[in-house]
Amino acid sequence: MVPDARGATRRPEPTCPVEVALAAISGRWTTLVLRELMHGPRSFGELRLALPTLSAKVLSERLAGLERQTLVERHRRRGFPARTVYRLTGAGERLRPLLVELYRTGDALLRDRARR
């Protein structure tokens, strides 16, 4: 199942590609923030409107975490009021097939449960 030695570990290692991918999407709300940014650049306010039950504090935390992982970049636009826009980096875009496959797998698991 693992194509190289980095995945053949006996415990979670920070150099394991699977662990890196899981860490990138971990945290409540992270996948939904990523999903919204996959539609294109969004301002903080646009993200709040798209995810109305997500608090501003948690959204700020998720965006900061994604920025630290270099999955999201923040651009401050000039003008008054100044506007901050977030967008996925190339690394963030690489998460798209992972999220699509997680959705498909979850859907299949839900259908299996419903048949029981």
Protein backbone atom coordinates (compact mmCIF):
# COMPACT_ATOMS: atom_id res chain seq x y z
CA MET A 1 0.00 0.00 0.00
CA VAL A 2 2.87 2.42 0.60
CA PRO A 3 5.02 3.35 -2.37
CA ASP A 4 8.12 4.19 -0.33
CA ALA A 5 9.64 3.88 3.15
CA ARG A 6 8.17 7.16 4.43
CA GLY A 7 4.80 5.46 4.70
CA ALA A 8 6.10 2.26 6.30
CA THR A 9 6.27 3.66 9.82
CA ARG A 10 5.25 2.05 13.08
CA ARG A 11 3.78 5.28 14.44
CA PRO A 12 2.59 8.58 13.00
CA GLU A 13 5.61 10.51 11.71
CA PRO A 14 5.65 14.11 10.48
CA THR A 15 7.44 12.94 7.32
CA CYS A 16 4.76 10.42 6.37
CA PRO A 17 2.87 11.75 3.31
CA VAL A 18 -0.46 10.46 4.67
CA GLU A 19 0.09 12.27 7.97
CA VAL A 20 1.00 15.46 6.10
CA ALA A 21 -2.19 15.28 4.03
CA LEU A 22 -4.35 14.56 7.07
CA ALA A 23 -2.76 17.40 9.04
CA ALA A 24 -3.52 19.78 6.15
CA ILE A 25 -7.27 19.16 6.43
CA SER A 26 -7.52 18.52 10.16
CA GLY A 27 -9.59 20.63 12.49
CA ARG A 28 -13.27 21.26 12.60
CA TRP A 29 -14.42 23.53 9.76
CA THR A 30 -11.13 23.29 7.84
CA THR A 31 -12.56 21.22 5.01
CA LEU A 32 -15.46 23.63 4.61
CA VAL A 33 -13.17 26.67 4.51
CA LEU A 34 -11.06 24.89 1.89
CA ARG A 35 -14.18 24.00 -0.08
CA GLU A 36 -15.25 27.64 -0.21
CA LEU A 37 -11.79 28.78 -1.29
CA MET A 38 -11.80 26.19 -4.07
CA HIS A 39 -14.46 28.35 -5.74
CA GLY A 40 -11.93 31.16 -5.96
CA PRO A 41 -10.58 34.00 -3.82
CA ARG A 42 -12.87 35.08 -0.99
CA SER A 43 -12.87 37.89 1.53
CA PHE A 44 -13.32 37.18 5.21
CA GLY A 45 -16.88 38.52 4.96
CA GLU A 46 -17.69 36.29 2.00
CA LEU A 47 -16.44 33.27 3.92
CA ARG A 48 -18.60 34.26 6.90
CA LEU A 49 -21.65 34.55 4.64
CA ALA A 50 -20.95 31.15 3.08
CA LEU A 51 -20.50 29.53 6.51
CA PRO A 52 -22.89 31.51 8.74
CA THR A 53 -22.64 29.25 11.80
CA LEU A 54 -18.84 29.46 11.85
CA SER A 55 -17.68 32.06 14.36
CA ALA A 56 -15.32 34.81 13.30
CA LYS A 57 -12.80 33.57 15.88
CA VAL A 58 -12.71 30.02 14.52
CA LEU A 59 -12.62 31.25 10.92
CA SER A 60 -9.64 33.46 11.77
CA GLU A 61 -7.91 30.52 13.45
CA ARG A 62 -8.53 28.20 10.49
CA LEU A 63 -7.32 30.77 7.96
CA ALA A 64 -4.19 31.48 10.03
CA GLY A 65 -3.47 27.75 10.29
CA LEU A 66 -3.92 27.23 6.57
CA GLU A 67 -1.67 30.21 5.93
CA ARG A 68 1.04 28.77 8.22
CA GLN A 69 0.88 25.55 6.23
CA THR A 70 1.23 27.63 3.04
CA LEU A 71 -2.07 26.27 1.73
CA VAL A 72 -3.73 29.70 1.71
CA GLU A 73 -2.34 33.14 1.03
CA ARG A 74 -3.74 36.43 2.21
CA HIS A 75 -3.75 39.57 0.08
CA ARG A 76 -4.66 42.95 1.43
CA ARG A 77 -6.29 45.14 -1.19
CA ARG A 78 -5.88 48.87 -1.14
CA GLY A 79 -8.73 51.23 -0.68
CA PHE A 80 -11.11 52.20 2.04
CA PRO A 81 -12.03 50.13 3.73
CA ALA A 82 -9.04 47.92 3.13
CA ARG A 83 -10.12 44.45 2.13
CA THR A 84 -8.34 41.20 2.80
CA VAL A 85 -8.79 38.39 0.31
CA TYR A 86 -7.80 34.77 0.83
CA ARG A 87 -6.98 32.32 -1.90
CA LEU A 88 -5.54 28.85 -2.21
CA THR A 89 -1.90 28.46 -3.11
CA GLY A 90 -0.74 25.77 -5.52
CA ALA A 91 -0.25 23.49 -2.53
CA GLY A 92 -3.80 24.23 -1.38
CA GLU A 93 -5.14 23.39 -4.81
CA ARG A 94 -3.46 19.99 -4.55
CA LEU A 95 -5.97 19.15 -1.81
CA ARG A 96 -8.90 19.25 -4.27
CA PRO A 97 -8.70 15.58 -5.39
CA LEU A 98 -8.25 14.49 -1.77
CA LEU A 99 -11.40 16.31 -0.68
CA VAL A 100 -13.36 15.03 -3.67
CA GLU A 101 -12.32 11.46 -2.90
CA LEU A 102 -13.11 11.87 0.81
CA TYR A 103 -16.59 13.04 -0.20
CA ARG A 104 -17.10 10.07 -2.51
CA THR A 105 -15.85 7.62 0.10
CA GLY A 106 -18.03 9.16 2.81
CA ASP A 107 -21.05 9.03 0.52
CA ALA A 108 -20.43 5.35 -0.21
CA LEU A 109 -20.07 4.59 3.49
CA LEU A 110 -23.33 6.39 4.25
CA ARG A 111 -25.11 4.40 1.54
CA ASP A 112 -23.68 1.17 2.97
CA ARG A 113 -24.98 2.09 6.41
CA ALA A 114 -28.42 2.91 5.03
CA ARG A 115 -28.68 -0.56 3.48
CA ARG A 116 -28.18 -2.31 6.81
